[in-house]
Amino acid sequence: MQTQLGKRALYLAETTADRGDVLAAFKTENPSEALQKISINIMNTTEAAYVVIGNEDGIRYSHPVTDRIGKPMVGDDNDRALLGGESYISIAEGSLGESIRGKAPVFDTDGTILGVVSIGYLTSEMDNLFSQYLDNIFYIMMVALIIGIFGSIFLSRSIKRQIFNLEPNEIANLFTEKNALIESVREAIITVNHKGEITTLNNAAAKILHLSDKDSVIGESIELHVPNTHLLEVLTDGRKQLDKPMIINGNEVIVNRVPMKVKGNIVGAVASFRLQSEIDHLAIELSQVKQYTEALRAQTHEFNNILYTISGLIQLNASDEALSIIHKEVQGQSSLTQFIRNHVKDPFLNGLIIGFFNRARELKVKLIFDEDSYLETLPENIEKSLIISIMGNLLTNAFEEVEKNKDRPPIVRLFIFDNGEEILIEVEDTGNGLAQEKLEVLFSENISTKDSKFRGYGLRKVISSVHDLNGTLALGEGDLGGALFIVSISKGGFVENAGDRSINYRG
């Protein structure tokens, strides 16, 4: 306000000093008569506090107070105008009080300084004007504050509805829990927004994607890091994709893709995936437990039958027959156990083979353990669980196959041999064998010769286990007329060949 008033006063002073009637008045015998009228008119028009015109000596020709005309101008700030010919703004104490002044010299036509024009606004009036402005500003601020309060209440409620009525500390806790959750699971997790840009991924996902800094990919398109992704399809059609196989950086993985929806609108998608090898490992362990359980169940069932028979004979006082059964069973079981122990030194495989003998007896299947079999204790570099899985799945499949073929007696032959460099496992049966069209896809897909949709992964587990042991699997037609599986596991490394009568699969 002070600056604007000063500029206004200076402009009025310069304009007044340049007026022709002002210059003409200076050349009359009584300049005050004309200049006083001019000054009063300017004061009324511009609302200035005063308009004072003085001569070259600073003597007033005009003044709002008539009695002060003819007296020297007060303020001692005329020198720059009267001596230097400058136009300027000053703040000084005058006869009417402190004021902001605009001063301009009055020049004759030849450039001579005739006097000075001083137009001012009292600072007291400026304070009143400032108070008026301040009152207006106050009312405007109050109105703006009231509008802001109601607006902020409306906005906060709207935002709170969008964040499910959660408080900031609750949101922070949920964010912390979410990060801890996705890092605690073993599955790899990636989330994307509706544009397909990565928003979240955990350490497991970064490991599979070979990322050293997972935060560096946030905001990037998922297609840059997973070119064969189907997450964009989920964003488009909104349908779940569960247990889908795919390959990421050479790793076989099983993926679940689920859309994220808010009020029916798709806002993103999440993909969780895990290595196929890990899933296969779990399946192998479950398969082993199942095989041991089945073997023990068969053994328990068989011995229960024998005990019931012995109990009945004792109740009939047929003690000789009961003793004969006991001796025969003990002798037979002892001979079988001793035979297996002499040919297979590993106790884990001993238990598995004995269990399958009891299972074969229950199924009325003749299980032949080749008398040329021989196996030392498995070396530490060979995982026993994989050997058990291979043998168990092959024998289970063979038992089921021989039951289907009613034209041949149900016979399954098992041969195990350790030649010092490799371990050979042969499983042969009198089943129907495998058709040629199934042979072509056997080692590339999860196939089954069974009708149940919940089965058919046994051969796949065999192949996976052989692969993990760096061995080979050969398949052909055996001497018994059915299928012949030959597994070769090197005790020290990879095996080049595992048979000469077969189609080979190399792990």
Protein backbone atom coordinates (compact mmCIF):
# COMPACT_ATOMS: atom_id res chain seq x y z
CA MET A 1 0.00 0.00 0.00
CA GLN A 2 2.83 2.38 0.86
CA THR A 3 4.52 1.73 -2.47
CA GLN A 4 1.32 2.18 -4.45
CA LEU A 5 0.44 5.45 -2.64
CA GLY A 6 3.95 6.77 -3.22
CA LYS A 7 3.73 6.00 -6.94
CA ARG A 8 0.32 7.65 -7.12
CA ALA A 9 1.56 10.79 -5.35
CA LEU A 10 4.60 11.03 -7.64
CA TYR A 11 2.49 10.60 -10.76
CA LEU A 12 0.08 13.32 -9.63
CA ALA A 13 2.97 15.67 -8.75
CA GLU A 14 4.64 15.16 -12.13
CA THR A 15 1.34 15.60 -13.97
CA THR A 16 0.54 18.79 -12.02
CA ALA A 17 4.03 20.22 -12.60
CA ASP A 18 3.61 19.72 -16.37
CA ARG A 19 0.23 21.47 -16.58
CA GLY A 20 0.14 24.61 -18.68
CA ASP A 21 -2.15 26.49 -16.29
CA VAL A 22 0.31 25.84 -13.45
CA LEU A 23 3.19 27.23 -15.49
CA ALA A 24 1.07 30.25 -16.49
CA ALA A 25 0.13 30.91 -12.86
CA PHE A 26 3.79 31.11 -11.87
CA LYS A 27 4.21 34.08 -14.27
CA THR A 28 1.31 36.10 -12.87
CA GLU A 29 1.62 38.82 -10.27
CA ASN A 30 -0.24 36.73 -7.68
CA PRO A 31 0.51 33.00 -8.38
CA SER A 32 -1.29 31.92 -5.20
CA GLU A 33 -4.68 32.99 -6.45
CA ALA A 34 -4.65 30.56 -9.42
CA LEU A 35 -2.50 27.79 -7.87
CA GLN A 36 -4.69 27.51 -4.74
CA LYS A 37 -7.75 26.80 -6.90
CA ILE A 38 -5.82 24.26 -8.93
CA SER A 39 -4.53 22.53 -5.75
CA ILE A 40 -7.99 22.35 -4.12
CA ASN A 41 -9.44 20.88 -7.31
CA ILE A 42 -6.71 18.21 -7.48
CA MET A 43 -7.21 17.35 -3.79
CA ASN A 44 -10.94 16.86 -4.27
CA THR A 45 -10.43 14.79 -7.40
CA THR A 46 -7.64 12.47 -6.14
CA GLU A 47 -8.49 12.34 -2.42
CA ALA A 48 -4.94 13.41 -1.62
CA ALA A 49 -4.27 14.71 1.91
CA TYR A 50 -2.74 17.85 0.50
CA VAL A 51 -1.45 19.50 -2.65
CA VAL A 52 1.22 22.13 -1.97
CA ILE A 53 2.91 24.22 -4.67
CA GLY A 54 5.92 26.31 -3.75
CA ASN A 55 8.32 28.64 -5.52
CA GLU A 56 12.07 28.17 -6.08
CA ASP A 57 12.71 29.20 -2.46
CA GLY A 58 10.24 26.71 -1.01
CA ILE A 59 7.65 29.37 -0.14
CA ARG A 60 4.08 28.01 -0.39
CA TYR A 61 1.78 29.33 -3.14
CA SER A 62 -0.97 26.86 -2.15
CA HIS A 63 -1.90 24.83 0.93
CA PRO A 64 -5.05 23.16 2.31
CA VAL A 65 -4.81 25.52 5.26
CA THR A 66 -5.06 29.05 3.78
CA ASP A 67 -3.22 30.68 6.69
CA ARG A 68 -0.06 28.76 5.82
CA ILE A 69 0.20 30.15 2.31
CA GLY A 70 3.32 32.33 1.97
CA LYS A 71 5.17 30.39 4.61
CA PRO A 72 8.13 28.00 4.00
CA MET A 73 7.35 24.35 3.19
CA VAL A 74 8.05 21.93 6.06
CA GLY A 75 10.00 18.66 5.84
CA ASP A 76 13.34 19.78 4.48
CA ASP A 77 13.04 17.37 1.50
CA ASN A 78 12.76 19.87 -1.39
CA ASP A 79 16.43 20.16 -2.28
CA ARG A 80 16.47 17.27 -4.74
CA ALA A 81 13.61 18.87 -6.70
CA LEU A 82 14.63 22.53 -6.44
CA LEU A 83 18.38 22.05 -6.81
CA GLY A 84 18.67 18.82 -8.76
CA GLY A 85 15.48 18.92 -10.76
CA GLU A 86 14.52 15.37 -9.67
CA SER A 87 11.09 13.84 -9.23
CA TYR A 88 10.96 11.45 -6.27
CA ILE A 89 9.04 9.92 -3.39
CA SER A 90 9.77 10.77 0.22
CA ILE A 91 8.36 10.18 3.67
CA ALA A 92 8.64 13.17 6.00
CA GLU A 93 6.93 14.96 8.86
CA GLY A 94 5.01 17.97 7.52
CA SER A 95 2.69 20.55 9.01
CA LEU A 96 -0.24 18.12 8.71
CA GLY A 97 1.73 15.17 10.06
CA GLU A 98 3.84 12.33 8.61
CA SER A 99 3.02 11.67 5.00
CA ILE A 100 4.11 9.88 1.85
CA ARG A 101 5.00 12.55 -0.68
CA GLY A 102 5.46 12.75 -4.38
CA LYS A 103 7.62 15.75 -5.37
CA ALA A 104 8.26 17.11 -8.87
CA PRO A 105 9.99 20.33 -10.02
CA VAL A 106 8.15 22.92 -12.14
CA PHE A 107 10.27 23.87 -15.16
CA ASP A 108 10.00 27.01 -17.26
CA THR A 109 10.13 26.69 -21.01
CA ASP A 110 13.87 27.36 -20.93
CA GLY A 111 14.46 24.67 -18.29
CA THR A 112 14.70 27.01 -15.36
CA ILE A 113 13.27 25.57 -12.12
CA LEU A 114 10.36 27.80 -11.06
CA GLY A 115 9.17 25.83 -8.06
CA VAL A 116 8.08 22.48 -6.74
CA VAL A 117 4.82 20.50 -6.51
CA SER A 118 4.34 18.31 -3.42
CA ILE A 119 1.33 15.96 -3.22
CA GLY A 120 1.04 13.70 -0.20
CA TYR A 121 -1.04 11.11 1.63
CA LEU A 122 -0.94 11.00 5.42
CA THR A 123 0.35 7.78 6.88
CA SER A 124 -2.50 7.91 9.44
CA GLU A 125 -4.97 7.69 6.58
CA MET A 126 -3.00 4.77 5.17
CA ASP A 127 -3.38 2.98 8.49
CA ASN A 128 -7.14 3.45 8.32
CA LEU A 129 -7.17 2.20 4.74
CA PHE A 130 -5.07 -0.79 5.78
CA SER A 131 -7.55 -1.56 8.57
CA GLN A 132 -10.37 -1.53 6.04
CA TYR A 133 -8.49 -3.89 3.78
CA LEU A 134 -7.62 -6.06 6.78
CA ASP A 135 -11.28 -6.28 7.77
CA ASN A 136 -12.19 -7.38 4.25
CA ILE A 137 -9.38 -9.90 4.23
CA PHE A 138 -10.49 -11.20 7.64
CA TYR A 139 -14.04 -11.80 6.46
CA ILE A 140 -12.78 -13.45 3.28
CA MET A 141 -10.47 -15.65 5.34
CA MET A 142 -13.30 -16.63 7.67
CA VAL A 143 -15.52 -17.58 4.74
CA ALA A 144 -12.63 -19.51 3.15
CA LEU A 145 -11.90 -21.21 6.47
CA ILE A 146 -15.52 -22.30 6.91
CA ILE A 147 -15.63 -23.59 3.32
CA GLY A 148 -12.27 -25.34 3.89
CA ILE A 149 -13.51 -26.99 7.09
CA PHE A 150 -16.65 -28.38 5.47
CA GLY A 151 -14.67 -29.32 2.36
CA SER A 152 -12.03 -31.13 4.41
CA ILE A 153 -14.72 -33.02 6.34
CA PHE A 154 -16.34 -34.11 3.09
CA LEU A 155 -12.98 -35.01 1.54
CA SER A 156 -11.80 -36.94 4.61
CA ARG A 157 -15.02 -38.96 4.70
CA SER A 158 -14.73 -39.68 0.99
CA ILE A 159 -11.11 -40.79 1.37
CA LYS A 160 -11.94 -42.88 4.41
CA ARG A 161 -14.65 -44.71 2.48
CA GLN A 162 -12.09 -45.48 -0.21
CA ILE A 163 -9.66 -46.91 2.37
CA PHE A 164 -12.38 -49.03 4.02
CA ASN A 165 -12.76 -46.74 7.08
CA LEU A 166 -9.24 -47.51 8.27
CA GLU A 167 -7.18 -45.18 10.40
CA PRO A 168 -3.63 -44.20 9.30
CA ASN A 169 -2.03 -46.42 11.94
CA GLU A 170 -4.19 -49.33 10.81
CA ILE A 171 -3.12 -48.77 7.20
CA ALA A 172 0.53 -48.70 8.30
CA ASN A 173 0.06 -51.96 10.22
CA LEU A 174 -1.64 -53.63 7.27
CA PHE A 175 1.17 -52.51 4.95
CA THR A 176 3.78 -53.94 7.33
CA GLU A 177 1.83 -57.18 7.71
CA LYS A 178 1.42 -57.48 3.91
CA ASN A 179 5.15 -57.12 3.33
CA ALA A 180 5.94 -59.63 6.07
CA LEU A 181 3.35 -62.04 4.67
CA ILE A 182 4.54 -62.08 1.07
CA GLU A 183 8.14 -62.52 2.22
CA SER A 184 7.25 -65.37 4.61
CA VAL A 185 5.72 -67.66 1.98
CA ARG A 186 7.96 -69.84 -0.15
CA GLU A 187 5.92 -69.23 -3.29
CA ALA A 188 7.06 -66.48 -5.61
CA ILE A 189 4.52 -63.63 -5.72
CA ILE A 190 4.16 -60.81 -8.26
CA THR A 191 1.36 -58.25 -8.39
CA VAL A 192 0.63 -55.86 -11.24
CA ASN A 193 -1.75 -52.90 -11.62
CA HIS A 194 -4.39 -52.49 -14.32
CA LYS A 195 -1.67 -51.32 -16.75
CA GLY A 196 0.39 -54.48 -16.29
CA GLU A 197 3.08 -52.64 -14.31
CA ILE A 198 4.79 -54.48 -11.45
CA THR A 199 3.69 -53.16 -8.05
CA THR A 200 4.98 -55.86 -5.71
CA LEU A 201 7.26 -58.89 -5.81
CA ASN A 202 8.90 -60.87 -3.03
CA ASN A 203 12.40 -62.28 -2.69
CA ALA A 204 11.34 -65.70 -4.02
CA ALA A 205 10.11 -64.07 -7.25
CA ALA A 206 13.26 -61.98 -7.54
CA LYS A 207 15.35 -65.14 -7.22
CA ILE A 208 13.49 -66.94 -10.01
CA LEU A 209 13.66 -63.82 -12.22
CA HIS A 210 17.40 -63.46 -11.46
CA LEU A 211 16.98 -59.94 -10.06
CA SER A 212 19.64 -58.57 -7.73
CA ASP A 213 17.56 -55.51 -6.78
CA LYS A 214 13.83 -56.22 -6.74
CA ASP A 215 12.89 -52.60 -6.04
CA SER A 216 14.43 -51.50 -9.33
CA VAL A 217 11.68 -53.21 -11.38
CA ILE A 218 8.75 -51.64 -9.53
CA GLY A 219 6.70 -49.70 -12.08
CA GLU A 220 8.09 -51.58 -15.08
CA SER A 221 5.94 -53.70 -17.39
CA ILE A 222 5.66 -57.37 -16.45
CA GLU A 223 6.34 -58.30 -20.08
CA LEU A 224 9.89 -56.94 -19.81
CA HIS A 225 10.77 -59.60 -17.22
CA VAL A 226 8.31 -62.40 -18.06
CA PRO A 227 7.80 -62.25 -21.85
CA ASN A 228 5.45 -65.27 -21.90
CA THR A 229 3.24 -63.97 -19.09
CA HIS A 230 -0.53 -64.44 -19.18
CA LEU A 231 -1.28 -61.88 -16.48
CA LEU A 232 -2.46 -59.43 -19.13
CA GLU A 233 -5.10 -61.96 -20.17
CA VAL A 234 -6.32 -62.08 -16.57
CA LEU A 235 -6.50 -58.25 -16.55
CA THR A 236 -8.58 -58.37 -19.72
CA ASP A 237 -11.05 -61.20 -19.09
CA GLY A 238 -10.96 -61.30 -15.27
CA ARG A 239 -10.84 -65.12 -15.12
CA LYS A 240 -8.64 -67.09 -12.76
CA GLN A 241 -5.89 -69.31 -14.16
CA LEU A 242 -4.96 -72.01 -11.66
CA ASP A 243 -2.10 -74.54 -11.70
CA LYS A 244 -0.83 -73.53 -15.14
CA PRO A 245 2.64 -74.77 -16.19
CA MET A 246 5.10 -72.35 -17.76
CA ILE A 247 8.84 -71.78 -18.08
CA ILE A 248 10.55 -68.74 -16.54
CA ASN A 249 14.27 -68.27 -17.19
CA GLY A 250 14.60 -71.96 -18.00
CA ASN A 251 12.79 -73.09 -14.83
CA GLU A 252 9.60 -75.12 -14.98
CA VAL A 253 7.05 -73.50 -12.66
CA ILE A 254 3.39 -73.96 -11.76
CA VAL A 255 1.52 -70.63 -11.76
CA ASN A 256 -1.74 -69.38 -10.29
CA ARG A 257 -3.08 -66.10 -11.70
CA VAL A 258 -5.94 -64.30 -9.97
CA PRO A 259 -7.49 -60.88 -10.78
CA MET A 260 -7.79 -58.21 -8.08
CA LYS A 261 -11.18 -56.50 -8.09
CA VAL A 262 -12.60 -53.49 -6.24
CA LYS A 263 -16.36 -53.05 -6.49
CA GLY A 264 -16.42 -55.29 -9.53
CA ASN A 265 -13.67 -53.43 -11.38
CA ILE A 266 -10.35 -55.11 -12.16
CA VAL A 267 -7.59 -53.01 -10.59
CA GLY A 268 -4.74 -55.50 -11.00
CA ALA A 269 -3.70 -59.14 -10.82
CA VAL A 270 -1.50 -61.35 -8.69
CA ALA A 271 0.56 -64.34 -9.80
CA SER A 272 1.97 -66.91 -7.41
CA PHE A 273 4.26 -69.62 -8.70
CA ARG A 274 6.56 -72.32 -7.45
CA LEU A 275 9.23 -74.42 -9.07
CA GLN A 276 7.98 -77.69 -10.53
CA SER A 277 10.96 -79.46 -8.97
CA GLU A 278 9.84 -78.45 -5.47
CA ILE A 279 6.31 -79.70 -6.12
CA ASP A 280 7.69 -82.94 -7.54
CA HIS A 281 9.85 -83.37 -4.47
CA LEU A 282 6.82 -83.06 -2.20
CA ALA A 283 4.91 -85.50 -4.41
CA ILE A 284 7.79 -87.96 -4.16
CA GLU A 285 7.81 -87.75 -0.39
CA LEU A 286 4.06 -88.29 -0.25
CA SER A 287 4.39 -91.20 -2.65
CA GLN A 288 7.03 -92.80 -0.43
CA VAL A 289 4.85 -92.47 2.63
CA LYS A 290 1.95 -93.98 0.72
CA GLN A 291 4.08 -96.90 -0.48
CA TYR A 292 5.39 -97.65 3.01
CA THR A 293 1.87 -97.40 4.42
CA GLU A 294 0.50 -99.71 1.74
CA ALA A 295 3.31 -102.19 2.29
CA LEU A 296 2.75 -102.23 6.05
CA ARG A 297 -1.00 -102.53 5.56
CA ALA A 298 -0.53 -105.50 3.26
CA GLN A 299 1.88 -107.12 5.70
CA THR A 300 -0.49 -106.53 8.62
CA HIS A 301 -3.44 -107.89 6.64
CA GLU A 302 -1.52 -111.01 5.64
CA PHE A 303 -0.36 -111.77 9.16
CA ASN A 304 -3.85 -111.15 10.53
CA ASN A 305 -5.16 -113.83 8.19
CA ILE A 306 -2.50 -116.23 9.40
CA LEU A 307 -3.24 -115.43 13.05
CA TYR A 308 -6.97 -115.97 12.50
CA THR A 309 -6.19 -119.36 10.92
CA ILE A 310 -3.91 -120.35 13.79
CA SER A 311 -6.51 -119.19 16.33
CA GLY A 312 -9.19 -121.30 14.66
CA LEU A 313 -6.98 -124.39 14.56
CA ILE A 314 -6.16 -124.02 18.25
CA GLN A 315 -9.85 -123.71 19.10
CA LEU A 316 -10.42 -126.91 17.15
CA ASN A 317 -7.61 -128.57 19.10
CA ALA A 318 -5.68 -129.02 15.83
CA SER A 319 -2.41 -128.10 17.46
CA ASP A 320 -0.27 -130.03 15.01
CA GLU A 321 -1.74 -128.15 12.05
CA ALA A 322 -1.32 -124.84 13.87
CA LEU A 323 2.31 -125.59 14.63
CA SER A 324 2.86 -126.65 11.02
CA ILE A 325 1.50 -123.30 9.75
CA ILE A 326 3.63 -121.41 12.25
CA HIS A 327 6.80 -123.28 11.29
CA LYS A 328 6.04 -122.95 7.61
CA GLU A 329 5.34 -119.22 7.87
CA VAL A 330 8.38 -118.55 10.02
CA GLN A 331 10.56 -120.60 7.74
CA GLY A 332 9.17 -119.00 4.59
CA GLN A 333 9.34 -115.47 5.94
CA SER A 334 12.78 -116.07 7.36
CA SER A 335 13.99 -117.50 4.06
CA LEU A 336 12.59 -114.55 2.10
CA THR A 337 14.03 -112.03 4.53
CA GLN A 338 17.39 -113.78 4.58
CA PHE A 339 17.45 -114.04 0.79
CA ILE A 340 16.71 -110.35 0.35
CA ARG A 341 19.26 -109.38 3.01
CA ASN A 342 21.95 -111.46 1.31
CA HIS A 343 21.34 -109.80 -2.04
CA VAL A 344 20.45 -106.22 -0.97
CA LYS A 345 22.58 -104.70 1.77
CA ASP A 346 20.66 -101.43 2.10
CA PRO A 347 18.05 -101.67 4.90
CA PHE A 348 15.70 -99.09 3.32
CA LEU A 349 15.42 -101.09 0.11
CA ASN A 350 15.13 -104.29 2.15
CA GLY A 351 12.05 -102.99 3.89
CA LEU A 352 10.52 -101.76 0.65
CA ILE A 353 11.04 -105.07 -1.19
CA ILE A 354 9.67 -107.14 1.72
CA GLY A 355 6.64 -104.84 1.88
CA PHE A 356 5.97 -105.31 -1.83
CA PHE A 357 6.26 -109.10 -1.43
CA ASN A 358 3.48 -108.94 1.15
CA ARG A 359 1.49 -106.64 -1.14
CA ALA A 360 1.96 -109.05 -4.05
CA ARG A 361 0.77 -111.97 -1.90
CA GLU A 362 -2.36 -110.00 -1.00
CA LEU A 363 -3.04 -109.16 -4.67
CA LYS A 364 -2.35 -112.74 -5.76
CA VAL A 365 0.53 -111.51 -7.88
CA LYS A 366 3.72 -113.50 -8.21
CA LEU A 367 6.64 -111.20 -7.47
CA ILE A 368 9.98 -112.64 -8.58
CA PHE A 369 13.12 -111.18 -7.07
CA ASP A 370 15.85 -112.15 -9.51
CA GLU A 371 18.40 -114.39 -7.79
CA ASP A 372 21.21 -112.62 -9.66
CA SER A 373 20.32 -109.36 -7.92
CA TYR A 374 22.97 -107.75 -5.76
CA LEU A 375 23.24 -104.30 -4.25
CA GLU A 376 25.63 -102.88 -1.71
CA THR A 377 24.65 -100.07 0.64
CA LEU A 378 23.80 -97.00 -1.38
CA PRO A 379 26.56 -94.35 -1.42
CA GLU A 380 25.91 -91.04 0.32
CA ASN A 381 25.85 -89.06 -2.94
CA ILE A 382 22.73 -90.97 -4.07
CA GLU A 383 19.51 -89.88 -2.39
CA LYS A 384 17.76 -92.98 -1.13
CA SER A 385 14.32 -91.43 -1.23
CA LEU A 386 14.59 -91.05 -5.02
CA ILE A 387 15.62 -94.71 -5.46
CA ILE A 388 12.67 -95.76 -3.28
CA SER A 389 10.33 -93.56 -5.31
CA ILE A 390 11.55 -95.04 -8.60
CA MET A 391 11.28 -98.64 -7.47
CA GLY A 392 7.97 -98.14 -5.65
CA ASN A 393 6.23 -96.42 -8.58
CA LEU A 394 7.47 -98.98 -11.10
CA LEU A 395 6.34 -101.94 -8.96
CA THR A 396 2.96 -100.33 -8.22
CA ASN A 397 2.35 -99.70 -11.93
CA ALA A 398 3.41 -103.27 -12.72
CA PHE A 399 0.98 -104.75 -10.15
CA GLU A 400 -1.89 -102.78 -11.68
CA GLU A 401 -0.95 -103.74 -15.24
CA VAL A 402 -0.79 -107.51 -14.62
CA GLU A 403 -4.26 -107.42 -13.07
CA LYS A 404 -5.68 -106.09 -16.36
CA ASN A 405 -4.30 -108.89 -18.53
CA LYS A 406 -6.40 -111.98 -17.86
CA ASP A 407 -4.64 -113.98 -20.62
CA ARG A 408 -1.35 -114.29 -18.73
CA PRO A 409 -0.53 -115.20 -15.15
CA PRO A 410 0.12 -112.11 -12.97
CA ILE A 411 3.91 -112.07 -12.70
CA VAL A 412 6.25 -109.19 -11.90
CA ARG A 413 10.02 -109.53 -11.94
CA LEU A 414 12.42 -107.25 -10.05
CA PHE A 415 16.13 -107.14 -10.73
CA ILE A 416 18.64 -104.91 -8.92
CA PHE A 417 22.35 -105.00 -9.63
CA ASP A 418 25.37 -103.00 -8.55
CA ASN A 419 28.36 -103.50 -10.88
CA GLY A 420 30.51 -101.03 -8.99
CA GLU A 421 30.02 -98.15 -11.43
CA GLU A 422 26.27 -98.01 -11.79
CA ILE A 423 23.08 -99.33 -10.23
CA LEU A 424 20.65 -101.11 -12.55
CA ILE A 425 16.96 -101.58 -11.70
CA GLU A 426 14.71 -103.66 -13.96
CA VAL A 427 10.96 -104.06 -13.49
CA GLU A 428 9.19 -106.42 -15.91
CA ASP A 429 5.58 -107.60 -15.95
CA THR A 430 3.11 -109.75 -17.87
CA GLY A 431 0.75 -106.85 -18.53
CA ASN A 432 -0.40 -105.45 -21.84
CA GLY A 433 2.64 -103.21 -22.29
CA LEU A 434 2.43 -99.68 -23.66
CA ALA A 435 1.00 -98.74 -27.06
CA GLN A 436 3.31 -97.12 -29.58
CA GLU A 437 1.40 -93.81 -29.61
CA LYS A 438 1.83 -93.59 -25.84
CA LEU A 439 5.52 -94.29 -26.13
CA GLU A 440 5.95 -91.18 -28.28
CA VAL A 441 4.62 -88.84 -25.59
CA LEU A 442 5.54 -90.80 -22.49
CA PHE A 443 8.64 -88.79 -21.69
CA SER A 444 7.20 -85.38 -22.54
CA GLU A 445 3.82 -85.36 -20.75
CA ASN A 446 2.04 -86.61 -17.65
CA ILE A 447 0.28 -89.59 -19.20
CA SER A 448 -1.52 -92.52 -17.76
CA THR A 449 -2.67 -95.91 -18.93
CA LYS A 450 -5.31 -95.77 -16.20
CA ASP A 451 -8.81 -94.42 -16.54
CA SER A 452 -8.98 -92.39 -13.32
CA LYS A 453 -8.45 -88.67 -13.75
CA PHE A 454 -6.75 -88.49 -10.37
CA ARG A 455 -3.92 -90.79 -11.35
CA GLY A 456 -1.22 -91.16 -13.95
CA TYR A 457 1.67 -89.24 -12.42
CA GLY A 458 3.66 -92.34 -11.36
CA LEU A 459 5.75 -92.52 -14.53
CA ARG A 460 6.25 -88.76 -14.42
CA LYS A 461 7.65 -89.07 -10.91
CA VAL A 462 9.91 -91.87 -12.05
CA ILE A 463 11.25 -89.70 -14.87
CA SER A 464 11.71 -86.74 -12.52
CA SER A 465 13.56 -88.87 -9.95
CA VAL A 466 15.81 -90.36 -12.66
CA HIS A 467 16.53 -86.83 -13.86
CA ASP A 468 17.46 -85.72 -10.34
CA LEU A 469 19.86 -88.67 -10.04
CA ASN A 470 21.45 -87.92 -13.44
CA GLY A 471 20.45 -91.37 -14.60
CA THR A 472 18.74 -92.88 -17.65
CA LEU A 473 15.45 -94.66 -18.15
CA ALA A 474 14.92 -97.22 -20.89
CA LEU A 475 11.61 -98.79 -21.93
CA GLY A 476 10.99 -101.82 -24.04
CA GLU A 477 9.22 -105.17 -24.27
CA GLY A 478 10.35 -107.79 -21.77
CA ASP A 479 10.61 -111.57 -21.96
CA LEU A 480 7.38 -111.89 -19.95
CA GLY A 481 5.43 -110.20 -22.73
CA GLY A 482 4.67 -106.95 -20.98
CA ALA A 483 6.60 -103.74 -20.41
CA LEU A 484 10.22 -103.68 -19.28
CA PHE A 485 11.61 -100.63 -17.50
CA ILE A 486 15.37 -100.34 -17.07
CA VAL A 487 16.78 -97.63 -14.83
CA SER A 488 20.49 -96.96 -14.72
CA ILE A 489 21.94 -94.74 -11.98
CA SER A 490 25.63 -93.92 -12.08
CA LYS A 491 27.34 -94.12 -8.71
CA GLY A 492 29.75 -91.41 -9.76
CA GLY A 493 28.19 -89.44 -12.63
CA PHE A 494 26.13 -89.50 -15.83
CA VAL A 495 25.41 -92.81 -17.58
CA GLU A 496 25.72 -92.85 -21.36
CA ASN A 497 23.51 -95.86 -22.12
CA ALA A 498 21.03 -97.96 -20.16
CA GLY A 499 19.91 -100.71 -22.47
CA ASP A 500 19.83 -101.96 -26.03
CA ARG A 501 16.19 -103.03 -26.34
CA SER A 502 14.45 -99.77 -25.68
CA ILE A 503 13.54 -96.20 -26.41
CA ASN A 504 15.80 -94.17 -24.16
CA TYR A 505 14.96 -91.20 -21.99
CA ARG A 506 17.99 -89.41 -20.59
CA GLY A 507 17.57 -87.26 -17.50
